[in-house]
PDB file of N, CA and C in Angstrom:
ATOM      1  N   MET A   1     -19.569 -33.120 -60.021  1.00  0.00           N
ATOM      2  CA  MET A   1     -19.751 -34.491 -60.462  1.00  0.00           C
ATOM      3  C   MET A   1     -18.992 -34.677 -61.770  1.00  0.00           C
ATOM      4  N   GLU A   2     -18.356 -35.814 -61.880  1.00  0.00           N
ATOM      5  CA  GLU A   2     -17.603 -36.140 -63.081  1.00  0.00           C
ATOM      6  C   GLU A   2     -17.976 -37.558 -63.521  1.00  0.00           C
ATOM      7  N   THR A   3     -18.091 -37.754 -64.830  1.00  0.00           N
ATOM      8  CA  THR A   3     -18.348 -39.076 -65.385  1.00  0.00           C
ATOM      9  C   THR A   3     -17.131 -39.506 -66.188  1.00  0.00           C
ATOM     10  N   LEU A   4     -16.619 -40.685 -65.869  1.00  0.00           N
ATOM     11  CA  LEU A   4     -15.447 -41.244 -66.550  1.00  0.00           C
ATOM     12  C   LEU A   4     -15.842 -42.555 -67.201  1.00  0.00           C
ATOM     13  N   THR A   5     -15.257 -42.858 -68.358  1.00  0.00           N
ATOM     14  CA  THR A   5     -15.512 -44.139 -69.011  1.00  0.00           C
ATOM     15  C   THR A   5     -14.189 -44.792 -69.378  1.00  0.00           C
ATOM     16  N   PHE A   6     -14.157 -46.109 -69.268  1.00  0.00           N
ATOM     17  CA  PHE A   6     -12.952 -46.879 -69.537  1.00  0.00           C
ATOM     18  C   PHE A   6     -13.333 -48.164 -70.269  1.00  0.00           C
ATOM     19  N   LYS A   7     -12.403 -48.688 -71.075  1.00  0.00           N
ATOM     20  CA  LYS A   7     -12.577 -49.984 -71.735  1.00  0.00           C
ATOM     21  C   LYS A   7     -11.312 -50.800 -71.514  1.00  0.00           C
ATOM     22  N   TYR A   8     -11.506 -52.106 -71.294  1.00  0.00           N
ATOM     23  CA  TYR A   8     -10.390 -53.027 -71.091  1.00  0.00           C
ATOM     24  C   TYR A   8     -10.638 -54.288 -71.901  1.00  0.00           C
ATOM     25  N   PRO A   9      -9.600 -54.857 -72.518  1.00  0.00           N
ATOM     26  CA  PRO A   9      -9.790 -56.094 -73.279  1.00  0.00           C
ATOM     27  C   PRO A   9     -10.211 -57.232 -72.352  1.00  0.00           C
ATOM     28  N   ALA A  10     -11.021 -58.142 -72.878  1.00  0.00           N
ATOM     29  CA  ALA A  10     -11.476 -59.294 -72.097  1.00  0.00           C
ATOM     30  C   ALA A  10     -11.012 -60.572 -72.790  1.00  0.00           C
ATOM     31  N   ALA A  11     -10.515 -61.507 -72.018  1.00  0.00           N
ATOM     32  CA  ALA A  11     -10.036 -62.778 -72.562  1.00  0.00           C
ATOM     33  C   ALA A  11     -11.179 -63.770 -72.761  1.00  0.00           C
ATOM     34  N   SER A  12     -12.250 -63.595 -72.012  1.00  0.00           N
ATOM     35  CA  SER A  12     -13.377 -64.527 -72.135  1.00  0.00           C
ATOM     36  C   SER A  12     -14.688 -63.761 -72.026  1.00  0.00           C
ATOM     37  N   PRO A  13     -15.711 -64.210 -72.749  1.00  0.00           N
ATOM     38  CA  PRO A  13     -17.012 -63.548 -72.669  1.00  0.00           C
ATOM     39  C   PRO A  13     -17.756 -63.941 -71.393  1.00  0.00           C
ATOM     40  N   LYS A  14     -18.939 -63.433 -71.266  1.00  0.00           N
ATOM     41  CA  LYS A  14     -19.854 -63.635 -70.149  1.00  0.00           C
ATOM     42  C   LYS A  14     -19.462 -64.736 -69.158  1.00  0.00           C
ATOM     43  N   ASP A  15     -19.283 -64.334 -67.916  1.00  0.00           N
ATOM     44  CA  ASP A  15     -18.952 -65.258 -66.842  1.00  0.00           C
ATOM     45  C   ASP A  15     -19.662 -64.781 -65.581  1.00  0.00           C
ATOM     46  N   GLY A  16     -20.671 -65.518 -65.126  1.00  0.00           N
ATOM     47  CA  GLY A  16     -21.355 -65.159 -63.892  1.00  0.00           C
ATOM     48  C   GLY A  16     -22.691 -64.486 -64.122  1.00  0.00           C
ATOM     49  N   VAL A  17     -23.198 -63.862 -63.062  1.00  0.00           N
ATOM     50  CA  VAL A  17     -24.503 -63.205 -63.068  1.00  0.00           C
ATOM     51  C   VAL A  17     -24.347 -61.758 -62.606  1.00  0.00           C
ATOM     52  N   ARG A  18     -25.425 -61.002 -62.655  1.00  0.00           N
ATOM     53  CA  ARG A  18     -25.400 -59.616 -62.185  1.00  0.00           C
ATOM     54  C   ARG A  18     -25.113 -59.572 -60.690  1.00  0.00           C
ATOM     55  N   ALA A  19     -24.459 -58.483 -60.269  1.00  0.00           N
ATOM     56  CA  ALA A  19     -24.176 -58.301 -58.843  1.00  0.00           C
ATOM     57  C   ALA A  19     -24.273 -56.818 -58.490  1.00  0.00           C
ATOM     58  N   HIS A  20     -24.607 -56.557 -57.235  1.00  0.00           N
ATOM     59  CA  HIS A  20     -24.686 -55.200 -56.711  1.00  0.00           C
ATOM     60  C   HIS A  20     -24.023 -55.212 -55.340  1.00  0.00           C
ATOM     61  N   VAL A  21     -23.014 -54.354 -55.147  1.00  0.00           N
ATOM     62  CA  VAL A  21     -22.353 -54.275 -53.838  1.00  0.00           C
ATOM     63  C   VAL A  21     -22.174 -52.807 -53.452  1.00  0.00           C
ATOM     64  N   GLY A  22     -22.075 -52.580 -52.153  1.00  0.00           N
ATOM     65  CA  GLY A  22     -21.828 -51.245 -51.634  1.00  0.00           C
ATOM     66  C   GLY A  22     -23.058 -50.369 -51.611  1.00  0.00           C
ATOM     67  N   VAL A  23     -22.866 -49.169 -51.059  1.00  0.00           N
ATOM     68  CA  VAL A  23     -23.912 -48.152 -50.998  1.00  0.00           C
ATOM     69  C   VAL A  23     -23.284 -46.801 -51.318  1.00  0.00           C
ATOM     70  N   VAL A  24     -24.087 -45.926 -51.879  1.00  0.00           N
ATOM     71  CA  VAL A  24     -23.593 -44.575 -52.125  1.00  0.00           C
ATOM     72  C   VAL A  24     -23.750 -43.811 -50.827  1.00  0.00           C
ATOM     73  N   GLY A  25     -22.644 -43.474 -50.220  1.00  0.00           N
ATOM     74  CA  GLY A  25     -22.660 -42.741 -48.961  1.00  0.00           C
ATOM     75  C   GLY A  25     -21.284 -42.168 -48.720  1.00  0.00           C
ATOM     76  N   SER A  26     -21.143 -41.361 -47.731  1.00  0.00           N
ATOM     77  CA  SER A  26     -19.893 -40.683 -47.443  1.00  0.00           C
ATOM     78  C   SER A  26     -18.722 -41.662 -47.374  1.00  0.00           C
ATOM     79  N   GLY A  27     -17.752 -41.490 -48.253  1.00  0.00           N
ATOM     80  CA  GLY A  27     -16.554 -42.320 -48.250  1.00  0.00           C
ATOM     81  C   GLY A  27     -16.764 -43.714 -48.798  1.00  0.00           C
ATOM     82  N   ASP A  28     -17.837 -43.959 -49.506  1.00  0.00           N
ATOM     83  CA  ASP A  28     -18.096 -45.295 -50.042  1.00  0.00           C
ATOM     84  C   ASP A  28     -18.593 -45.191 -51.479  1.00  0.00           C
ATOM     85  N   LEU A  29     -18.951 -46.322 -52.060  1.00  0.00           N
ATOM     86  CA  LEU A  29     -19.443 -46.349 -53.421  1.00  0.00           C
ATOM     87  C   LEU A  29     -20.300 -47.570 -53.651  1.00  0.00           C
ATOM     88  N   GLU A  30     -21.038 -47.518 -54.756  1.00  0.00           N
ATOM     89  CA  GLU A  30     -21.914 -48.600 -55.173  1.00  0.00           C
ATOM     90  C   GLU A  30     -21.398 -49.106 -56.517  1.00  0.00           C
ATOM     91  N   ILE A  31     -21.391 -50.435 -56.681  1.00  0.00           N
ATOM     92  CA  ILE A  31     -20.969 -51.029 -57.943  1.00  0.00           C
ATOM     93  C   ILE A  31     -22.066 -51.938 -58.469  1.00  0.00           C
ATOM     94  N   LEU A  32     -22.440 -51.705 -59.729  1.00  0.00           N
ATOM     95  CA  LEU A  32     -23.368 -52.566 -60.452  1.00  0.00           C
ATOM     96  C   LEU A  32     -22.524 -53.318 -61.473  1.00  0.00           C
ATOM     97  N   PHE A  33     -22.554 -54.619 -61.417  1.00  0.00           N
ATOM     98  CA  PHE A  33     -21.642 -55.504 -62.148  1.00  0.00           C
ATOM     99  C   PHE A  33     -22.486 -56.425 -63.020  1.00  0.00           C
ATOM    100  N   GLU A  34     -22.316 -56.363 -64.339  1.00  0.00           N
ATOM    101  CA  GLU A  34     -23.128 -57.161 -65.247  1.00  0.00           C
ATOM    102  C   GLU A  34     -22.259 -57.822 -66.318  1.00  0.00           C
ATOM    103  N   PRO A  35     -22.164 -59.149 -66.307  1.00  0.00           N
ATOM    104  CA  PRO A  35     -21.421 -59.848 -67.363  1.00  0.00           C
ATOM    105  C   PRO A  35     -22.032 -59.533 -68.731  1.00  0.00           C
ATOM    106  N   CYS A  36     -21.208 -59.519 -69.777  1.00  0.00           N
ATOM    107  CA  CYS A  36     -21.712 -59.213 -71.117  1.00  0.00           C
ATOM    108  C   CYS A  36     -21.006 -60.071 -72.168  1.00  0.00           C
ATOM    109  N   GLU A  37     -21.507 -60.019 -73.376  1.00  0.00           N
ATOM    110  CA  GLU A  37     -21.011 -60.848 -74.475  1.00  0.00           C
ATOM    111  C   GLU A  37     -19.921 -60.169 -75.298  1.00  0.00           C
ATOM    112  N   ASN A  38     -19.470 -59.004 -74.914  1.00  0.00           N
ATOM    113  CA  ASN A  38     -18.467 -58.261 -75.678  1.00  0.00           C
ATOM    114  C   ASN A  38     -17.093 -58.917 -75.621  1.00  0.00           C
ATOM    115  N   ASP A  39     -16.167 -58.398 -76.429  1.00  0.00           N
ATOM    116  CA  ASP A  39     -14.772 -58.835 -76.364  1.00  0.00           C
ATOM    117  C   ASP A  39     -13.958 -57.882 -75.491  1.00  0.00           C
ATOM    118  N   HIS A  40     -14.671 -57.021 -74.746  1.00  0.00           N
ATOM    119  CA  HIS A  40     -14.023 -56.064 -73.854  1.00  0.00           C
ATOM    120  C   HIS A  40     -14.943 -55.774 -72.662  1.00  0.00           C
ATOM    121  N   SER A  41     -14.359 -55.179 -71.653  1.00  0.00           N
ATOM    122  CA  SER A  41     -15.125 -54.733 -70.489  1.00  0.00           C
ATOM    123  C   SER A  41     -15.307 -53.230 -70.571  1.00  0.00           C
ATOM    124  N   GLU A  42     -16.443 -52.749 -70.090  1.00  0.00           N
ATOM    125  CA  GLU A  42     -16.755 -51.325 -70.094  1.00  0.00           C
ATOM    126  C   GLU A  42     -17.038 -50.871 -68.673  1.00  0.00           C
ATOM    127  N   VAL A  43     -16.442 -49.747 -68.282  1.00  0.00           N
ATOM    128  CA  VAL A  43     -16.640 -49.214 -66.941  1.00  0.00           C
ATOM    129  C   VAL A  43     -17.078 -47.751 -67.048  1.00  0.00           C
ATOM    130  N   THR A  44     -18.145 -47.411 -66.349  1.00  0.00           N
ATOM    131  CA  THR A  44     -18.586 -46.026 -66.238  1.00  0.00           C
ATOM    132  C   THR A  44     -18.530 -45.649 -64.763  1.00  0.00           C
ATOM    133  N   VAL A  45     -17.849 -44.553 -64.474  1.00  0.00           N
ATOM    134  CA  VAL A  45     -17.705 -44.071 -63.099  1.00  0.00           C
ATOM    135  C   VAL A  45     -18.388 -42.710 -62.995  1.00  0.00           C
ATOM    136  N   LEU A  46     -19.338 -42.602 -62.093  1.00  0.00           N
ATOM    137  CA  LEU A  46     -19.945 -41.315 -61.754  1.00  0.00           C
ATOM    138  C   LEU A  46     -19.432 -40.974 -60.364  1.00  0.00           C
ATOM    139  N   THR A  47     -18.600 -39.931 -60.272  1.00  0.00           N
ATOM    140  CA  THR A  47     -17.950 -39.621 -59.001  1.00  0.00           C
ATOM    141  C   THR A  47     -18.218 -38.193 -58.559  1.00  0.00           C
ATOM    142  N   SER A  48     -18.299 -38.012 -57.258  1.00  0.00           N
ATOM    143  CA  SER A  48     -18.492 -36.683 -56.685  1.00  0.00           C
ATOM    144  C   SER A  48     -17.165 -35.935 -56.556  1.00  0.00           C
ATOM    145  N   VAL A  49     -16.055 -36.605 -56.832  1.00  0.00           N
ATOM    146  CA  VAL A  49     -14.727 -36.011 -56.681  1.00  0.00           C
ATOM    147  C   VAL A  49     -14.109 -35.819 -58.067  1.00  0.00           C
ATOM    148  N   ASP A  50     -13.998 -34.595 -58.505  1.00  0.00           N
ATOM    149  CA  ASP A  50     -13.441 -34.286 -59.820  1.00  0.00           C
ATOM    150  C   ASP A  50     -11.913 -34.359 -59.827  1.00  0.00           C
ATOM    151  N   GLY A  51     -11.351 -34.675 -61.010  1.00  0.00           N
ATOM    152  CA  GLY A  51      -9.910 -34.595 -61.199  1.00  0.00           C
ATOM    153  C   GLY A  51      -9.109 -35.829 -60.834  1.00  0.00           C
ATOM    154  N   TYR A  52      -9.757 -36.965 -60.603  1.00  0.00           N
ATOM    155  CA  TYR A  52      -9.040 -38.170 -60.204  1.00  0.00           C
ATOM    156  C   TYR A  52      -9.076 -39.259 -61.273  1.00  0.00           C
ATOM    157  N   GLY A  53      -9.192 -38.858 -62.539  1.00  0.00           N
ATOM    158  CA  GLY A  53      -9.237 -39.817 -63.636  1.00  0.00           C
ATOM    159  C   GLY A  53      -8.050 -40.755 -63.683  1.00  0.00           C
ATOM    160  N   GLU A  54      -6.859 -40.242 -63.440  1.00  0.00           N
ATOM    161  CA  GLU A  54      -5.648 -41.083 -63.463  1.00  0.00           C
ATOM    162  C   GLU A  54      -5.661 -42.106 -62.330  1.00  0.00           C
ATOM    163  N   VAL A  55      -6.140 -41.710 -61.176  1.00  0.00           N
ATOM    164  CA  VAL A  55      -6.229 -42.644 -60.044  1.00  0.00           C
ATOM    165  C   VAL A  55      -7.214 -43.752 -60.381  1.00  0.00           C
ATOM    166  N   TRP A  56      -8.381 -43.397 -60.917  1.00  0.00           N
ATOM    167  CA  TRP A  56      -9.363 -44.404 -61.316  1.00  0.00           C
ATOM    168  C   TRP A  56      -8.762 -45.349 -62.345  1.00  0.00           C
ATOM    169  N   LYS A  57      -8.043 -44.791 -63.317  1.00  0.00           N
ATOM    170  CA  LYS A  57      -7.421 -45.608 -64.366  1.00  0.00           C
ATOM    171  C   LYS A  57      -6.483 -46.646 -63.762  1.00  0.00           C
ATOM    172  N   HIS A  58      -5.647 -46.242 -62.816  1.00  0.00           N
ATOM    173  CA  HIS A  58      -4.691 -47.166 -62.207  1.00  0.00           C
ATOM    174  C   HIS A  58      -5.379 -48.247 -61.367  1.00  0.00           C
ATOM    175  N   VAL A  59      -6.404 -47.868 -60.622  1.00  0.00           N
ATOM    176  CA  VAL A  59      -7.132 -48.852 -59.815  1.00  0.00           C
ATOM    177  C   VAL A  59      -7.817 -49.869 -60.722  1.00  0.00           C
ATOM    178  N   LEU A  60      -8.453 -49.397 -61.790  1.00  0.00           N
ATOM    179  CA  LEU A  60      -9.142 -50.306 -62.707  1.00  0.00           C
ATOM    180  C   LEU A  60      -8.158 -51.191 -63.465  1.00  0.00           C
ATOM    181  N   GLU A  61      -7.004 -50.661 -63.848  1.00  0.00           N
ATOM    182  CA  GLU A  61      -5.978 -51.483 -64.503  1.00  0.00           C
ATOM    183  C   GLU A  61      -5.523 -52.608 -63.575  1.00  0.00           C
ATOM    184  N   ARG A  62      -5.383 -52.298 -62.316  1.00  0.00           N
ATOM    185  CA  ARG A  62      -4.981 -53.321 -61.337  1.00  0.00           C
ATOM    186  C   ARG A  62      -6.040 -54.419 -61.232  1.00  0.00           C
ATOM    187  N   PHE A  63      -7.312 -54.027 -61.203  1.00  0.00           N
ATOM    188  CA  PHE A  63      -8.399 -55.003 -61.133  1.00  0.00           C
ATOM    189  C   PHE A  63      -8.433 -55.864 -62.393  1.00  0.00           C
ATOM    190  N   PHE A  64      -8.390 -55.246 -63.570  1.00  0.00           N
ATOM    191  CA  PHE A  64      -8.502 -55.998 -64.820  1.00  0.00           C
ATOM    192  C   PHE A  64      -7.232 -56.780 -65.171  1.00  0.00           C
ATOM    193  N   ALA A  65      -6.162 -56.571 -64.466  1.00  0.00           N
ATOM    194  CA  ALA A  65      -4.985 -57.431 -64.632  1.00  0.00           C
ATOM    195  C   ALA A  65      -5.291 -58.838 -64.115  1.00  0.00           C
ATOM    196  N   ARG A  66      -6.254 -58.944 -63.187  1.00  0.00           N
ATOM    197  CA  ARG A  66      -6.634 -60.244 -62.610  1.00  0.00           C
ATOM    198  C   ARG A  66      -7.991 -60.744 -63.086  1.00  0.00           C
ATOM    199  N   TYR A  67      -8.882 -59.854 -63.425  1.00  0.00           N
ATOM    200  CA  TYR A  67     -10.230 -60.238 -63.838  1.00  0.00           C
ATOM    201  C   TYR A  67     -10.323 -60.114 -65.355  1.00  0.00           C
ATOM    202  N   THR A  68     -10.504 -61.239 -66.063  1.00  0.00           N
ATOM    203  CA  THR A  68     -10.398 -61.225 -67.517  1.00  0.00           C
ATOM    204  C   THR A  68     -11.710 -61.467 -68.262  1.00  0.00           C
ATOM    205  N   SER A  69     -12.814 -61.666 -67.567  1.00  0.00           N
ATOM    206  CA  SER A  69     -14.108 -61.877 -68.231  1.00  0.00           C
ATOM    207  C   SER A  69     -14.713 -60.546 -68.665  1.00  0.00           C
ATOM    208  N   ALA A  70     -15.510 -60.597 -69.742  1.00  0.00           N
ATOM    209  CA  ALA A  70     -16.179 -59.389 -70.217  1.00  0.00           C
ATOM    210  C   ALA A  70     -17.283 -58.989 -69.249  1.00  0.00           C
ATOM    211  N   VAL A  71     -17.281 -57.727 -68.870  1.00  0.00           N
ATOM    212  CA  VAL A  71     -18.245 -57.248 -67.884  1.00  0.00           C
ATOM    213  C   VAL A  71     -18.556 -55.775 -68.140  1.00  0.00           C
ATOM    214  N   ARG A  72     -19.754 -55.390 -67.770  1.00  0.00           N
ATOM    215  CA  ARG A  72     -20.154 -53.982 -67.814  1.00  0.00           C
ATOM    216  C   ARG A  72     -20.286 -53.548 -66.358  1.00  0.00           C
ATOM    217  N   ILE A  73     -19.547 -52.518 -65.978  1.00  0.00           N
ATOM    218  CA  ILE A  73     -19.537 -52.053 -64.588  1.00  0.00           C
ATOM    219  C   ILE A  73     -19.973 -50.599 -64.535  1.00  0.00           C
ATOM    220  N   GLU A  74     -20.875 -50.315 -63.599  1.00  0.00           N
ATOM    221  CA  GLU A  74     -21.281 -48.943 -63.324  1.00  0.00           C
ATOM    222  C   GLU A  74     -20.934 -48.653 -61.872  1.00  0.00           C
ATOM    223  N   ILE A  75     -20.175 -47.586 -61.655  1.00  0.00           N
ATOM    224  CA  ILE A  75     -19.734 -47.226 -60.305  1.00  0.00           C
ATOM    225  C   ILE A  75     -20.293 -45.853 -59.958  1.00  0.00           C
ATOM    226  N   HIS A  76     -20.943 -45.773 -58.790  1.00  0.00           N
ATOM    227  CA  HIS A  76     -21.440 -44.498 -58.256  1.00  0.00           C
ATOM    228  C   HIS A  76     -20.603 -44.227 -57.003  1.00  0.00           C
ATOM    229  N   ASP A  77     -19.727 -43.240 -57.103  1.00  0.00           N
ATOM    230  CA  ASP A  77     -18.746 -42.969 -56.050  1.00  0.00           C
ATOM    231  C   ASP A  77     -19.103 -41.725 -55.241  1.00  0.00           C
ATOM    232  N   PHE A  78     -18.859 -41.826 -53.941  1.00  0.00           N
ATOM    233  CA  PHE A  78     -19.038 -40.671 -53.066  1.00  0.00           C
ATOM    234  C   PHE A  78     -17.789 -40.491 -52.205  1.00  0.00           C
ATOM    235  N   GLY A  79     -16.619 -40.451 -52.875  1.00  0.00           N
ATOM    236  CA  GLY A  79     -15.368 -40.166 -52.177  1.00  0.00           C
ATOM    237  C   GLY A  79     -14.648 -41.375 -51.614  1.00  0.00           C
ATOM    238  N   ALA A  80     -14.852 -42.549 -52.190  1.00  0.00           N
ATOM    239  CA  ALA A  80     -14.177 -43.761 -51.699  1.00  0.00           C
ATOM    240  C   ALA A  80     -12.679 -43.697 -51.997  1.00  0.00           C
ATOM    241  N   THR A  81     -11.890 -44.277 -51.128  1.00  0.00           N
ATOM    242  CA  THR A  81     -10.444 -44.359 -51.352  1.00  0.00           C
ATOM    243  C   THR A  81     -10.146 -45.465 -52.357  1.00  0.00           C
ATOM    244  N   PRO A  82      -8.971 -45.436 -52.994  1.00  0.00           N
ATOM    245  CA  PRO A  82      -8.622 -46.496 -53.947  1.00  0.00           C
ATOM    246  C   PRO A  82      -8.714 -47.905 -53.340  1.00  0.00           C
ATOM    247  N   GLY A  83      -8.357 -48.060 -52.086  1.00  0.00           N
ATOM    248  CA  GLY A  83      -8.445 -49.363 -51.436  1.00  0.00           C
ATOM    249  C   GLY A  83      -9.877 -49.857 -51.336  1.00  0.00           C
ATOM    250  N   VAL A  84     -10.801 -48.973 -51.027  1.00  0.00           N
ATOM    251  CA  VAL A  84     -12.215 -49.335 -50.941  1.00  0.00           C
ATOM    252  C   VAL A  84     -12.748 -49.677 -52.331  1.00  0.00           C
ATOM    253  N   VAL A  85     -12.331 -48.918 -53.344  1.00  0.00           N
ATOM    254  CA  VAL A  85     -12.769 -49.192 -54.719  1.00  0.00           C
ATOM    255  C   VAL A  85     -12.350 -50.601 -55.123  1.00  0.00           C
ATOM    256  N   LEU A  86     -11.089 -50.949 -54.905  1.00  0.00           N
ATOM    257  CA  LEU A  86     -10.597 -52.279 -55.272  1.00  0.00           C
ATOM    258  C   LEU A  86     -11.317 -53.365 -54.482  1.00  0.00           C
ATOM    259  N   LEU A  87     -11.543 -53.141 -53.201  1.00  0.00           N
ATOM    260  CA  LEU A  87     -12.277 -54.097 -52.370  1.00  0.00           C
ATOM    261  C   LEU A  87     -13.683 -54.323 -52.914  1.00  0.00           C
ATOM    262  N   ARG A  88     -14.392 -53.260 -53.247  1.00  0.00           N
ATOM    263  CA  ARG A  88     -15.754 -53.390 -53.773  1.00  0.00           C
ATOM    264  C   ARG A  88     -15.768 -54.076 -55.142  1.00  0.00           C
ATOM    265  N   LEU A  89     -14.788 -53.786 -55.996  1.00  0.00           N
ATOM    266  CA  LEU A  89     -14.704 -54.474 -57.284  1.00  0.00           C
ATOM    267  C   LEU A  89     -14.509 -55.976 -57.086  1.00  0.00           C
ATOM    268  N   GLU A  90     -13.639 -56.350 -56.165  1.00  0.00           N
ATOM    269  CA  GLU A  90     -13.410 -57.768 -55.886  1.00  0.00           C
ATOM    270  C   GLU A  90     -14.654 -58.420 -55.285  1.00  0.00           C
ATOM    271  N   GLN A  91     -15.374 -57.686 -54.432  1.00  0.00           N
ATOM    272  CA  GLN A  91     -16.632 -58.213 -53.872  1.00  0.00           C
ATOM    273  C   GLN A  91     -17.657 -58.434 -54.983  1.00  0.00           C
ATOM    274  N   ALA A  92     -17.747 -57.497 -55.920  1.00  0.00           N
ATOM    275  CA  ALA A  92     -18.700 -57.627 -57.022  1.00  0.00           C
ATOM    276  C   ALA A  92     -18.351 -58.821 -57.905  1.00  0.00           C
ATOM    277  N   ALA A  93     -17.069 -59.007 -58.190  1.00  0.00           N
ATOM    278  CA  ALA A  93     -16.641 -60.152 -58.992  1.00  0.00           C
ATOM    279  C   ALA A  93     -16.987 -61.461 -58.278  1.00  0.00           C
ATOM    280  N   GLU A  94     -16.751 -61.518 -56.987  1.00  0.00           N
ATOM    281  CA  GLU A  94     -17.072 -62.710 -56.181  1.00  0.00           C
ATOM    282  C   GLU A  94     -18.578 -62.956 -56.160  1.00  0.00           C
ATOM    283  N   ALA A  95     -19.364 -61.908 -55.949  1.00  0.00           N
ATOM    284  CA  ALA A  95     -20.815 -62.060 -55.920  1.00  0.00           C
ATOM    285  C   ALA A  95     -21.344 -62.498 -57.279  1.00  0.00           C
ATOM    286  N   SER A  96     -20.703 -62.057 -58.348  1.00  0.00           N
ATOM    287  CA  SER A  96     -21.123 -62.431 -59.698  1.00  0.00           C
ATOM    288  C   SER A  96     -20.908 -63.921 -59.961  1.00  0.00           C
ATOM    289  N   ARG A  97     -19.898 -64.488 -59.330  1.00  0.00           N
ATOM    290  CA  ARG A  97     -19.592 -65.914 -59.512  1.00  0.00           C
ATOM    291  C   ARG A  97     -20.468 -66.800 -58.635  1.00  0.00           C
ATOM    292  N   ALA A  98     -21.062 -66.243 -57.594  1.00  0.00           N
ATOM    293  CA  ALA A  98     -21.856 -67.035 -56.646  1.00  0.00           C
ATOM    294  C   ALA A  98     -23.186 -67.463 -57.225  1.00  0.00           C
TER     295      ALA A  98
END
């Protein structure tokens, strides 16, 4: 198990409500998404796959290039592919706006 943390600048504070998407299971992940009042976004990743920090960094950079609100994200990963991670992040952002 590996824990990774990341911070990204945010252009706007709190936008939306809390959201929960996905499940922790083989090849999938769970995302807890919580808007916050900070001037940055914080991401904590707990993953069962060690050594993929650079991959996580690139996937999160791609997401935060489009999502600019301040948010606190907790990700519990069980071997999800980068495509699934990005899909779940986009689902969480959408659910947060609903």
